[in-house]
Amino acid sequence: MRWLLAKWFLVILIVRESRSVVWPCTTSADCAKVPDASCSIYGFCQCPAGHVFSTDVTRCLPERSYGLSCEEAVQCSHMLTGAKCEDKLCTCDTGYTYVRGRCRQLANLGEPCNAVINY
């Protein structure tokens, strides 16, 4: 019973920190509601590499990079904070710009910034 509680606690932490969809499984049959999903070695359902669960958790969608076509914002989420799917293209949200593979928050001249990025 203690192990089961620890496993559920881990699921809650993973979901809260990564905003990912995670549910326990023992075999890939437990993940069969989503085509192409399988049970990982850690005992959680997952999409194939390079794919993410759709928002309604019914499909595995390919991850997309900045400027590529998307159906849902979750496909752009590997660009981290500030990414969105707008007009069916992965882009950065207002106040963010695409630099070195991710959307980064803009700082105005004289305002503090959180990273030094040399081009």
C-alpha atoms as a PDB file:
ATOM      1  CA  MET A   1       0.000   0.000   0.000  1.00  0.00           C
ATOM      2  CA  ARG A   2       2.849   2.390   0.850  1.00  0.00           C
ATOM      3  CA  TRP A   3       4.428   1.858  -2.624  1.00  0.00           C
ATOM      4  CA  LEU A   4       1.087   2.537  -4.320  1.00  0.00           C
ATOM      5  CA  LEU A   5       0.688   5.835  -2.433  1.00  0.00           C
ATOM      6  CA  ALA A   6       4.244   6.825  -3.341  1.00  0.00           C
ATOM      7  CA  LYS A   7       3.546   6.040  -7.008  1.00  0.00           C
ATOM      8  CA  TRP A   8       0.434   8.269  -7.026  1.00  0.00           C
ATOM      9  CA  PHE A   9       2.354  11.035  -5.249  1.00  0.00           C
ATOM     10  CA  LEU A  10       4.989  10.861  -7.987  1.00  0.00           C
ATOM     11  CA  VAL A  11       2.276  11.167 -10.654  1.00  0.00           C
ATOM     12  CA  ILE A  12       0.955  14.318  -9.005  1.00  0.00           C
ATOM     13  CA  LEU A  13       4.445  15.851  -8.859  1.00  0.00           C
ATOM     14  CA  ILE A  14       5.180  15.049 -12.481  1.00  0.00           C
ATOM     15  CA  VAL A  15       1.897  16.492 -13.703  1.00  0.00           C
ATOM     16  CA  ARG A  16       2.231  19.614 -11.582  1.00  0.00           C
ATOM     17  CA  GLU A  17       5.824  20.400 -12.598  1.00  0.00           C
ATOM     18  CA  SER A  18       5.739  19.514 -16.305  1.00  0.00           C
ATOM     19  CA  ARG A  19       2.069  20.045 -17.114  1.00  0.00           C
ATOM     20  CA  SER A  20       2.163  16.648 -18.802  1.00  0.00           C
ATOM     21  CA  VAL A  21      -0.486  13.977 -19.007  1.00  0.00           C
ATOM     22  CA  VAL A  22       0.593  10.966 -16.972  1.00  0.00           C
ATOM     23  CA  TRP A  23      -1.365   7.923 -15.893  1.00  0.00           C
ATOM     24  CA  PRO A  24      -0.178   4.611 -14.448  1.00  0.00           C
ATOM     25  CA  CYS A  25      -0.103   1.389 -16.466  1.00  0.00           C
ATOM     26  CA  THR A  26       1.282  -2.119 -16.208  1.00  0.00           C
ATOM     27  CA  THR A  27       1.058  -3.052 -19.902  1.00  0.00           C
ATOM     28  CA  SER A  28       0.538  -1.152 -23.157  1.00  0.00           C
ATOM     29  CA  ALA A  29      -3.011  -2.514 -23.229  1.00  0.00           C
ATOM     30  CA  ASP A  30      -3.740  -0.101 -20.354  1.00  0.00           C
ATOM     31  CA  CYS A  31      -2.937   2.769 -22.760  1.00  0.00           C
ATOM     32  CA  ALA A  32      -4.980   1.434 -25.698  1.00  0.00           C
ATOM     33  CA  LYS A  33      -7.525   4.295 -25.587  1.00  0.00           C
ATOM     34  CA  VAL A  34      -4.904   6.462 -27.305  1.00  0.00           C
ATOM     35  CA  PRO A  35      -3.573   5.073 -30.608  1.00  0.00           C
ATOM     36  CA  ASP A  36       0.240   4.673 -30.616  1.00  0.00           C
ATOM     37  CA  ALA A  37       0.528   5.202 -26.835  1.00  0.00           C
ATOM     38  CA  SER A  38       2.428   2.578 -24.862  1.00  0.00           C
ATOM     39  CA  CYS A  39       3.375   1.762 -21.288  1.00  0.00           C
ATOM     40  CA  SER A  40       6.833   3.109 -20.408  1.00  0.00           C
ATOM     41  CA  ILE A  41       9.421   1.248 -18.324  1.00  0.00           C
ATOM     42  CA  TYR A  42       8.421   3.595 -15.491  1.00  0.00           C
ATOM     43  CA  GLY A  43       4.811   2.379 -15.533  1.00  0.00           C
ATOM     44  CA  PHE A  44       3.173   5.395 -17.181  1.00  0.00           C
ATOM     45  CA  CYS A  45       1.432   5.718 -20.550  1.00  0.00           C
ATOM     46  CA  GLN A  46       3.393   7.744 -23.086  1.00  0.00           C
ATOM     47  CA  CYS A  47       3.300   8.778 -26.711  1.00  0.00           C
ATOM     48  CA  PRO A  48       6.146   7.759 -29.031  1.00  0.00           C
ATOM     49  CA  ALA A  49       9.309   9.885 -28.986  1.00  0.00           C
ATOM     50  CA  GLY A  50       8.706  13.283 -30.592  1.00  0.00           C
ATOM     51  CA  HIS A  51       4.968  13.185 -29.860  1.00  0.00           C
ATOM     52  CA  VAL A  52       2.727  14.595 -27.095  1.00  0.00           C
ATOM     53  CA  PHE A  53      -0.781  13.800 -25.924  1.00  0.00           C
ATOM     54  CA  SER A  54      -3.522  15.976 -27.402  1.00  0.00           C
ATOM     55  CA  THR A  55      -5.335  18.265 -24.977  1.00  0.00           C
ATOM     56  CA  ASP A  56      -8.262  15.849 -24.752  1.00  0.00           C
ATOM     57  CA  VAL A  57      -5.863  12.885 -24.377  1.00  0.00           C
ATOM     58  CA  THR A  58      -7.301  10.982 -27.352  1.00  0.00           C
ATOM     59  CA  ARG A  59      -4.339  11.208 -29.771  1.00  0.00           C
ATOM     60  CA  CYS A  60      -0.581  11.453 -29.944  1.00  0.00           C
ATOM     61  CA  LEU A  61       0.377  14.580 -31.908  1.00  0.00           C
ATOM     62  CA  PRO A  62       3.844  15.380 -33.285  1.00  0.00           C
ATOM     63  CA  GLU A  63       5.872  18.042 -31.468  1.00  0.00           C
ATOM     64  CA  ARG A  64       6.310  21.065 -33.700  1.00  0.00           C
ATOM     65  CA  SER A  65       8.983  23.767 -33.844  1.00  0.00           C
ATOM     66  CA  TYR A  66       8.566  27.493 -34.266  1.00  0.00           C
ATOM     67  CA  GLY A  67       6.886  28.391 -37.563  1.00  0.00           C
ATOM     68  CA  LEU A  68       5.645  24.862 -38.306  1.00  0.00           C
ATOM     69  CA  SER A  69       2.005  23.812 -38.547  1.00  0.00           C
ATOM     70  CA  CYS A  70       0.149  22.742 -35.395  1.00  0.00           C
ATOM     71  CA  GLU A  71      -3.323  21.744 -34.297  1.00  0.00           C
ATOM     72  CA  GLU A  72      -2.963  22.458 -30.566  1.00  0.00           C
ATOM     73  CA  ALA A  73      -0.679  24.574 -28.376  1.00  0.00           C
ATOM     74  CA  VAL A  74       0.596  21.460 -26.607  1.00  0.00           C
ATOM     75  CA  GLN A  75       2.516  20.575 -29.791  1.00  0.00           C
ATOM     76  CA  CYS A  76       4.562  23.760 -29.360  1.00  0.00           C
ATOM     77  CA  SER A  77       5.134  23.241 -25.619  1.00  0.00           C
ATOM     78  CA  HIS A  78       8.721  21.968 -25.984  1.00  0.00           C
ATOM     79  CA  MET A  79       9.611  25.617 -26.702  1.00  0.00           C
ATOM     80  CA  LEU A  80       8.667  26.102 -23.041  1.00  0.00           C
ATOM     81  CA  THR A  81       6.905  29.154 -21.594  1.00  0.00           C
ATOM     82  CA  GLY A  82       5.367  31.602 -24.032  1.00  0.00           C
ATOM     83  CA  ALA A  83       4.704  29.233 -26.937  1.00  0.00           C
ATOM     84  CA  LYS A  84       1.282  28.963 -28.560  1.00  0.00           C
ATOM     85  CA  CYS A  85      -0.460  27.619 -31.651  1.00  0.00           C
ATOM     86  CA  GLU A  86      -1.995  30.536 -33.519  1.00  0.00           C
ATOM     87  CA  ASP A  87      -3.532  30.342 -36.969  1.00  0.00           C
ATOM     88  CA  LYS A  88      -2.306  26.721 -37.083  1.00  0.00           C
ATOM     89  CA  LEU A  89       1.368  27.729 -36.646  1.00  0.00           C
ATOM     90  CA  CYS A  90       3.665  27.430 -33.613  1.00  0.00           C
ATOM     91  CA  THR A  91       4.626  30.932 -32.536  1.00  0.00           C
ATOM     92  CA  CYS A  92       5.489  32.921 -29.433  1.00  0.00           C
ATOM     93  CA  ASP A  93       2.923  34.699 -27.297  1.00  0.00           C
ATOM     94  CA  THR A  94       2.767  38.478 -26.900  1.00  0.00           C
ATOM     95  CA  GLY A  95       5.778  39.688 -24.925  1.00  0.00           C
ATOM     96  CA  TYR A  96       7.946  36.743 -26.026  1.00  0.00           C
ATOM     97  CA  THR A  97      10.361  36.261 -28.911  1.00  0.00           C
ATOM     98  CA  TYR A  98      11.909  33.163 -30.457  1.00  0.00           C
ATOM     99  CA  VAL A  99      15.622  32.871 -29.634  1.00  0.00           C
ATOM    100  CA  ARG A 100      17.789  29.733 -29.784  1.00  0.00           C
ATOM    101  CA  GLY A 101      15.012  27.168 -29.909  1.00  0.00           C
ATOM    102  CA  ARG A 102      12.545  28.619 -27.437  1.00  0.00           C
ATOM    103  CA  CYS A 103      10.248  31.522 -26.709  1.00  0.00           C
ATOM    104  CA  ARG A 104      11.890  33.969 -24.331  1.00  0.00           C
ATOM    105  CA  GLN A 105      10.302  36.837 -22.451  1.00  0.00           C
ATOM    106  CA  LEU A 106      11.282  40.257 -23.708  1.00  0.00           C
ATOM    107  CA  ALA A 107      12.752  42.904 -21.418  1.00  0.00           C
ATOM    108  CA  ASN A 108      12.671  46.591 -22.295  1.00  0.00           C
ATOM    109  CA  LEU A 109      15.831  48.663 -22.253  1.00  0.00           C
ATOM    110  CA  GLY A 110      16.828  49.349 -18.644  1.00  0.00           C
ATOM    111  CA  GLU A 111      14.625  46.563 -17.212  1.00  0.00           C
ATOM    112  CA  PRO A 112      16.138  43.532 -15.480  1.00  0.00           C
ATOM    113  CA  CYS A 113      16.491  40.417 -17.617  1.00  0.00           C
ATOM    114  CA  ASN A 114      16.819  36.747 -16.654  1.00  0.00           C
ATOM    115  CA  ALA A 115      19.409  35.640 -19.253  1.00  0.00           C
ATOM    116  CA  VAL A 116      22.274  36.990 -21.305  1.00  0.00           C
ATOM    117  CA  ILE A 117      22.050  35.670 -24.852  1.00  0.00           C
ATOM    118  CA  ASN A 118      24.924  36.496 -27.156  1.00  0.00           C
ATOM    119  CA  TYR A 119      24.180  36.004 -30.837  1.00  0.00           C
END
